[in-house]
Amino acid sequence: MAYYSVLDLLKYVDHEQEQYPYTVPYLVNSCGFSLESAKCISEKVNFESADKPDAVVSLLRDYGFTNVHISRLIRKAPLLLLSNPAGTLLPKLEFQRSIGVSGSEIGKIASRNTSFLRQSLKKHIIPCYNILKSVVISDVKAVKALRLLSDTACSFLPENLPVNLSTISHLLMKQPSLACLKSAKFRQIVNKAIEMGFDPLKSTFAHALYVLSCPNIWEKKIEVYRNYGLSEDEIWSAIRKFPLCMSFSRKKITNTMDFLVNKVGWLPADFARVPFVLCYSSQKRIIPRCYSFL
């Protein structure tokens, strides 16, 4: 077995670095990456001068980023080394400081979630923060939430969180008992709703949770729909469009279906297209309106 001195190893590393562009030696010498890691990162970012990377690294260190934070950040988002320090990064770092994040906390948050340095301050970062603060009220709690956000979650937060909160609000207003279920039971119902194809971003998801919380009534009501000629596909199409079609009594479903199918001549597919017709009163709305067209 051959043994090498420290000097021999250093010479080997220097020789290897000479085979690669300027980027690789910089990543090894200034950012502490191994040669192999530097090679991988250089496939995503390349530069021929240390001016901009040095300015970026220097700014990050001024704001409390440790070497570990910087290397983690560059590994995830290497193009940040070519950012404009004063014009792009500084305002984002200053914003974090203004909401109470300071010292190494800034580095901890940014190296975990690179969105806070990569994305637009006005179009993404501030809206993300404002949404979180509107829910948790205080800066301190909003910052705690920011620490836990992943890159992926943060990317979709401005689009999805308001919708999700709307669903939760709708659920609490219409079916507050569901929010009081044991967490395991609630999780089971949510997973079942997703498996059945309900979209968590739509208000119908809250309706689906409600009807799924009463599974003992399903089979009897599905049988009513079968009796009026609906196929399994048509029944499930109606349920996905309007989950509350499973919340009405069997008497209500029977009376409405009997009139529409046997008196008006609806086909099963007609009901599958507009199952929300069950919301209307048979005596006050459905029958009078239908007879006006007969």
Foldseek 3Di string as FASTA:
>chain_A
DDDDDPVRVVVVQVVVPVVDAPQQVCCCVPLPDDSVLSVVLVVVDDDRDCVQLVLQVVLCVVQAADSVLVNLLCSVPVCSSNDDCVPQQVVLSVVCVVLPQGHNSSSLLCSQAVCSRPPDCVPAVVLLLVVLCVVVVHSVVSSVVSNPDGNVCSVCRNPQVVLLVVLVVLLCVPPVVLVVDDPVVNVVLLVVLVVLPADSSDNVSSVSSVLSVCVVQPVVLVVLLVVLPDDPVLVSLQCNVHVCLSVDDSVLVNVVSCCCCVPLNDDSNVCSVPVCVSVDDVVPPVVVVSVVVD
